[in-house]
């Protein structure tokens, strides 16, 4: 039973990383190519062929302006998939607090108050 749980955990981790990587690649494609590079290319080609119209220019400017927004949206979808497969294991807060106290054990609250008074 333990072995099956470890295998599921590894598969979930792999699927999470795959979702994250696909989210990044899809964000680069949608936000970088489809909504940024392609409209710029269309404007250049249309201008060179004397076919640049106001509606074409406005559409391209809107696509360029929202390219990063849509790239972020697509990336977020991949990140949500990553977190779905990653799971939500709660951190060990007691261990984190103990490490923090050990790191800052040389100063006490009284020492900090005295420093502020001076």
Protein backbone atom coordinates (compact mmCIF):
# COMPACT_ATOMS: atom_id res chain seq x y z
CA UNK A 1 0.00 0.00 0.00
CA UNK A 2 2.84 2.39 0.80
CA UNK A 3 4.43 1.69 -2.57
CA UNK A 4 1.20 2.57 -4.41
CA UNK A 5 0.96 5.84 -2.48
CA UNK A 6 4.53 6.76 -3.41
CA UNK A 7 3.81 5.96 -7.07
CA UNK A 8 0.68 8.14 -7.02
CA UNK A 9 2.69 10.95 -5.43
CA UNK A 10 5.35 10.69 -8.16
CA UNK A 11 2.72 10.63 -10.91
CA UNK A 12 0.97 13.64 -9.41
CA UNK A 13 4.28 15.48 -9.21
CA UNK A 14 5.04 14.64 -12.84
CA UNK A 15 1.58 15.75 -13.98
CA UNK A 16 1.94 18.96 -11.98
CA UNK A 17 5.28 19.77 -13.60
CA UNK A 18 3.81 18.91 -17.01
CA UNK A 19 0.87 21.29 -16.43
CA UNK A 20 3.24 24.03 -15.33
CA UNK A 21 5.52 23.56 -18.35
CA UNK A 22 2.57 23.45 -20.76
CA UNK A 23 1.18 26.59 -19.13
CA UNK A 24 4.45 28.42 -19.73
CA UNK A 25 4.72 27.22 -23.33
CA UNK A 26 1.08 28.03 -24.07
CA UNK A 27 1.49 31.48 -22.49
CA UNK A 28 4.52 32.16 -24.68
CA UNK A 29 2.62 31.01 -27.76
CA UNK A 30 -0.62 32.88 -27.07
CA UNK A 31 0.79 36.03 -25.50
CA UNK A 32 4.12 36.14 -27.30
CA UNK A 33 3.38 34.91 -30.79
CA UNK A 34 -0.36 35.16 -31.50
CA UNK A 35 -0.96 38.45 -29.73
CA UNK A 36 2.39 40.25 -30.00
CA UNK A 37 4.64 39.10 -32.84
CA UNK A 38 1.92 38.17 -35.35
CA UNK A 39 0.01 41.52 -35.13
CA UNK A 40 3.28 43.44 -35.52
CA UNK A 41 4.10 41.31 -38.55
CA UNK A 42 0.61 41.93 -40.00
CA UNK A 43 1.02 45.70 -39.55
CA UNK A 44 4.42 45.65 -41.27
CA UNK A 45 3.19 43.53 -44.20
CA UNK A 46 0.00 45.57 -44.62
CA UNK A 47 1.96 48.84 -44.50
CA UNK A 48 4.45 47.54 -47.06
CA UNK A 49 1.63 46.53 -49.42
CA UNK A 50 -0.34 49.78 -48.88
CA UNK A 51 -3.24 47.78 -47.40
CA UNK A 52 -3.09 49.15 -43.84
CA UNK A 53 -6.55 50.19 -42.72
CA UNK A 54 -7.73 51.78 -39.51
CA UNK A 55 -9.73 48.70 -38.34
CA UNK A 56 -6.71 46.43 -38.97
CA UNK A 57 -4.43 48.83 -37.11
CA UNK A 58 -6.82 49.16 -34.14
CA UNK A 59 -7.30 45.39 -33.91
CA UNK A 60 -3.57 44.86 -33.92
CA UNK A 61 -2.95 47.56 -31.30
CA UNK A 62 -5.59 46.03 -29.01
CA UNK A 63 -4.02 42.58 -29.42
CA UNK A 64 -0.58 43.98 -28.64
CA UNK A 65 -1.87 45.88 -25.60
CA UNK A 66 -3.55 42.80 -24.10
CA UNK A 67 -0.86 40.27 -25.02
CA UNK A 68 0.72 40.17 -21.56
CA UNK A 69 -2.68 39.95 -19.87
CA UNK A 70 -3.66 36.90 -21.89
CA UNK A 71 -0.22 35.37 -21.44
CA UNK A 72 -0.64 35.75 -17.68
CA UNK A 73 -4.11 34.22 -17.83
CA UNK A 74 -2.88 31.17 -19.74
CA UNK A 75 0.10 30.81 -17.38
CA UNK A 76 -2.26 30.99 -14.38
CA UNK A 77 -4.33 28.13 -15.79
CA UNK A 78 -1.18 26.01 -16.00
CA UNK A 79 -0.21 27.04 -12.47
CA UNK A 80 -3.64 26.07 -11.17
CA UNK A 81 -3.17 22.65 -12.77
CA UNK A 82 0.24 22.39 -11.12
CA UNK A 83 -1.20 23.17 -7.69
CA UNK A 84 -4.08 20.74 -8.24
CA UNK A 85 -1.69 17.85 -8.76
CA UNK A 86 0.81 19.09 -6.19
CA UNK A 87 -1.73 18.86 -3.41
CA UNK A 88 -2.01 21.00 -0.34
CA UNK A 89 0.10 19.48 2.38
CA UNK A 90 0.19 21.79 5.37
CA UNK A 91 3.65 22.89 6.44
CA UNK A 92 5.00 21.89 9.83
CA UNK A 93 4.47 25.24 11.56
CA UNK A 94 6.00 24.06 14.83
CA UNK A 95 9.27 23.19 13.08
CA UNK A 96 9.28 26.50 11.20
CA UNK A 97 8.70 28.42 14.43
CA UNK A 98 11.45 26.44 16.21
CA UNK A 99 13.93 27.24 13.42
CA UNK A 100 12.96 30.91 13.61
CA UNK A 101 13.38 30.99 17.39
CA UNK A 102 16.77 29.25 17.16
CA UNK A 103 17.93 31.70 14.51
CA UNK A 104 16.87 34.73 16.55
CA UNK A 105 17.51 33.38 20.04
CA UNK A 106 20.45 35.73 20.72
CA UNK A 107 18.15 38.77 20.94
CA UNK A 108 15.11 39.02 23.16
CA UNK A 109 12.15 41.35 23.06
CA UNK A 110 13.58 43.35 25.96
CA UNK A 111 16.81 43.93 24.02
CA UNK A 112 14.83 45.11 21.00
CA UNK A 113 12.77 47.49 23.15
CA UNK A 114 15.90 48.96 24.72
CA UNK A 115 17.39 49.53 21.27
CA UNK A 116 14.27 51.39 20.16
CA UNK A 117 14.30 53.62 23.22
CA UNK A 118 17.85 54.82 22.55
